[in-house]
Protein backbone atom coordinates (compact mmCIF):
# COMPACT_ATOMS: atom_id res chain seq x y z
CA MET A 1 -31.85 73.01 38.94
CA HIS A 2 -28.92 71.01 38.38
CA HIS A 3 -28.96 68.31 35.72
CA THR A 4 -26.50 65.58 35.87
CA CYS A 5 -25.84 63.80 32.61
CA GLN A 6 -25.31 60.22 33.15
CA HIS A 7 -23.64 58.32 30.39
CA ARG A 8 -24.06 54.66 30.37
CA THR A 9 -21.25 52.65 28.92
CA GLN A 10 -22.52 49.84 26.80
CA GLN A 11 -20.77 46.57 27.05
CA GLY A 12 -20.87 43.73 24.49
CA VAL A 13 -20.43 43.48 20.79
CA THR A 14 -22.43 44.78 17.91
CA LEU A 15 -24.06 42.50 15.39
CA VAL A 16 -21.49 43.47 12.75
CA GLU A 17 -18.59 42.58 15.06
CA LEU A 18 -20.23 39.25 15.86
CA VAL A 19 -20.71 38.36 12.17
CA ILE A 20 -17.09 39.28 11.38
CA ALA A 21 -15.82 37.11 14.26
CA ILE A 22 -17.94 34.16 13.09
CA VAL A 23 -16.60 34.49 9.53
CA ILE A 24 -12.97 34.61 10.74
CA VAL A 25 -13.42 31.58 12.98
CA SER A 26 -15.18 29.67 10.17
CA ILE A 27 -12.31 30.34 7.75
CA ALA A 28 -9.80 29.12 10.33
CA VAL A 29 -11.80 25.94 11.07
CA VAL A 30 -12.17 25.13 7.35
CA GLY A 31 -8.40 25.54 6.89
CA VAL A 32 -7.55 23.29 9.82
CA LEU A 33 -10.05 20.61 8.73
CA GLY A 34 -8.59 20.67 5.22
CA VAL A 35 -5.09 20.03 6.56
CA LEU A 36 -6.35 17.24 8.82
CA SER A 37 -8.18 15.63 5.91
CA ARG A 38 -5.06 15.62 3.72
CA THR A 39 -2.97 14.28 6.60
CA SER A 40 -5.33 11.39 7.34
CA THR A 41 -5.53 10.47 3.64
CA GLY A 42 -1.73 10.50 3.44
CA SER A 43 -1.34 8.34 6.53
CA ALA A 44 -3.85 5.80 5.18
CA GLU A 45 -1.86 5.57 1.96
CA ALA A 46 1.35 5.14 3.95
CA MET A 47 -0.21 2.21 5.82
CA VAL A 48 -1.33 0.62 2.52
CA ARG A 49 2.19 1.03 1.12
CA ALA A 50 3.76 -0.54 4.21
CA GLN A 51 1.40 -3.51 3.98
CA ALA A 52 2.09 -3.84 0.25
CA VAL A 53 5.83 -3.99 0.98
CA ALA A 54 5.31 -6.75 3.55
CA ILE A 55 3.05 -8.72 1.20
CA GLY A 56 5.40 -8.33 -1.78
CA ASN A 57 8.44 -9.38 0.24
CA ALA A 58 6.62 -12.43 1.64
CA TYR A 59 5.60 -13.67 -1.82
CA LEU A 60 9.07 -12.95 -3.23
CA GLU A 61 10.81 -14.76 -0.38
CA GLU A 62 8.50 -17.76 -0.75
CA ALA A 63 9.41 -18.10 -4.43
CA MET A 64 13.11 -17.49 -3.83
CA LEU A 65 13.26 -20.39 -1.37
CA LYS A 66 12.07 -22.88 -4.01
CA PRO A 67 14.57 -24.81 -6.13
CA PHE A 68 15.69 -23.36 -9.46
CA ALA A 69 14.88 -26.54 -11.41
CA ASP A 70 11.81 -28.70 -10.95
CA PRO A 71 12.77 -31.59 -8.64
CA ASP A 72 10.14 -34.05 -9.89
CA GLY A 73 10.32 -33.15 -13.59
CA VAL A 74 6.65 -32.15 -13.66
CA ASP A 75 6.42 -28.42 -14.32
CA ALA A 76 3.56 -26.01 -13.67
CA GLU A 77 1.88 -27.59 -10.66
CA ALA A 78 -1.74 -26.47 -10.48
CA THR A 79 -2.02 -25.25 -6.89
CA ARG A 80 0.24 -23.04 -4.82
CA THR A 81 0.55 -25.68 -2.12
CA ALA A 82 2.09 -28.00 -4.74
CA PHE A 83 4.57 -25.43 -6.15
CA ASP A 84 8.01 -27.03 -5.96
CA ASP A 85 10.18 -24.72 -8.06
CA VAL A 86 10.49 -21.05 -8.98
CA ASP A 87 8.81 -21.40 -12.39
CA ASP A 88 5.56 -22.58 -10.80
CA TYR A 89 4.91 -19.03 -9.56
CA ASN A 90 4.73 -17.64 -13.09
CA GLY A 91 1.19 -16.41 -13.66
CA LEU A 92 0.14 -16.48 -10.00
CA ASP A 93 -2.75 -14.02 -9.53
CA ASP A 94 -4.28 -13.73 -6.06
CA ASN A 95 -7.24 -11.44 -5.39
CA GLY A 96 -6.61 -10.79 -1.73
CA ALA A 97 -3.27 -11.60 -0.12
CA ARG A 98 -2.88 -15.25 0.85
CA ASP A 99 -0.48 -17.31 2.91
CA GLN A 100 1.71 -20.12 1.52
CA ILE A 101 -1.11 -22.65 1.68
CA SER A 102 -3.53 -20.27 -0.08
CA ASN A 103 -5.56 -19.25 2.95
CA ALA A 104 -6.90 -15.68 2.68
CA LEU A 105 -5.19 -13.29 5.09
CA SER A 106 -7.72 -11.41 7.21
CA GLY A 107 -7.99 -7.70 6.43
CA LEU A 108 -5.86 -7.92 3.27
CA ASP A 109 -8.60 -8.69 0.76
CA ALA A 110 -8.26 -5.31 -1.02
CA TYR A 111 -4.81 -6.30 -2.32
CA ARG A 112 -4.10 -8.10 -5.58
CA VAL A 113 -0.84 -9.99 -6.01
CA ARG A 114 0.50 -11.03 -9.43
CA MET A 115 3.74 -12.83 -10.13
CA THR A 116 5.78 -13.42 -13.25
CA VAL A 117 8.88 -15.56 -13.58
CA GLY A 118 11.02 -15.49 -16.70
CA SER A 119 14.57 -15.62 -17.88
CA GLY A 120 16.83 -12.85 -16.74
CA THR A 121 20.31 -11.51 -17.20
CA LEU A 122 22.63 -11.10 -14.28
CA GLY A 123 26.26 -10.24 -14.86
CA ALA A 124 28.18 -12.86 -16.82
CA LEU A 125 25.88 -15.76 -15.92
CA PRO A 126 24.29 -17.57 -18.87
CA ALA A 127 20.60 -16.67 -19.36
CA ALA A 128 19.64 -20.31 -18.88
CA ASP A 129 20.96 -20.10 -15.30
CA VAL A 130 19.03 -16.96 -14.25
CA LYS A 131 15.34 -16.40 -13.53
CA ARG A 132 13.82 -13.03 -12.77
CA ILE A 133 10.89 -12.99 -10.34
CA ASP A 134 8.54 -10.00 -10.34
CA VAL A 135 5.82 -9.53 -7.73
CA THR A 136 3.28 -6.75 -8.29
CA VAL A 137 1.08 -5.79 -5.36
CA SER A 138 -1.81 -3.41 -5.99
CA HIS A 139 -4.52 -1.97 -3.74
CA SER A 140 -7.96 -0.65 -4.61
CA ILE A 141 -6.97 2.94 -3.65
CA GLY A 142 -4.51 3.01 -6.54
CA VAL A 143 -1.25 1.96 -4.88
CA VAL A 144 0.83 -0.30 -7.15
CA MET A 145 4.24 -1.61 -6.12
CA THR A 146 6.55 -4.05 -7.91
CA PHE A 147 9.30 -6.11 -6.30
CA SER A 148 11.92 -8.00 -8.28
CA SER A 149 14.68 -10.45 -7.57
CA TYR A 150 16.85 -12.94 -9.40
CA ARG A 151 17.14 -16.64 -8.66
CA THR A 152 20.17 -18.42 -10.07
CA ARG A 153 20.86 -22.07 -10.56
CA TYR A 154 23.91 -21.67 -8.32
CA LEU A 155 22.27 -19.90 -5.36
């Protein structure tokens, strides 16, 4: 009698190989998701910073376009729509960015804008002829940016 030994070749993976592959893939996925999470957080902050720059520049430009001295002799007008000189912006505190007539700007309610106007020094100009304007824009995620400019009597 002649016996023929037949060897069957098994195909597939063992349970140990499968578990190792799952662990390796899981580690890779966790690493990639971590990078994506940090990237999306960074890009959100970049957008907030860009909006803060636009808001700060708009408020600063609005104040810079006002006269140095009060044209009607009545200082510290009560509402932003009545502001008629640079000093009137001192103490402005808006919760939520607003336009020049104090309407809330849609989607920008998480920003806070504060302004101070005081005397400043600029080169050889007398202090009485220089005002420093500071605009601080902050956002609820912790972004705080300050913008400053000088307004002189002799613009």
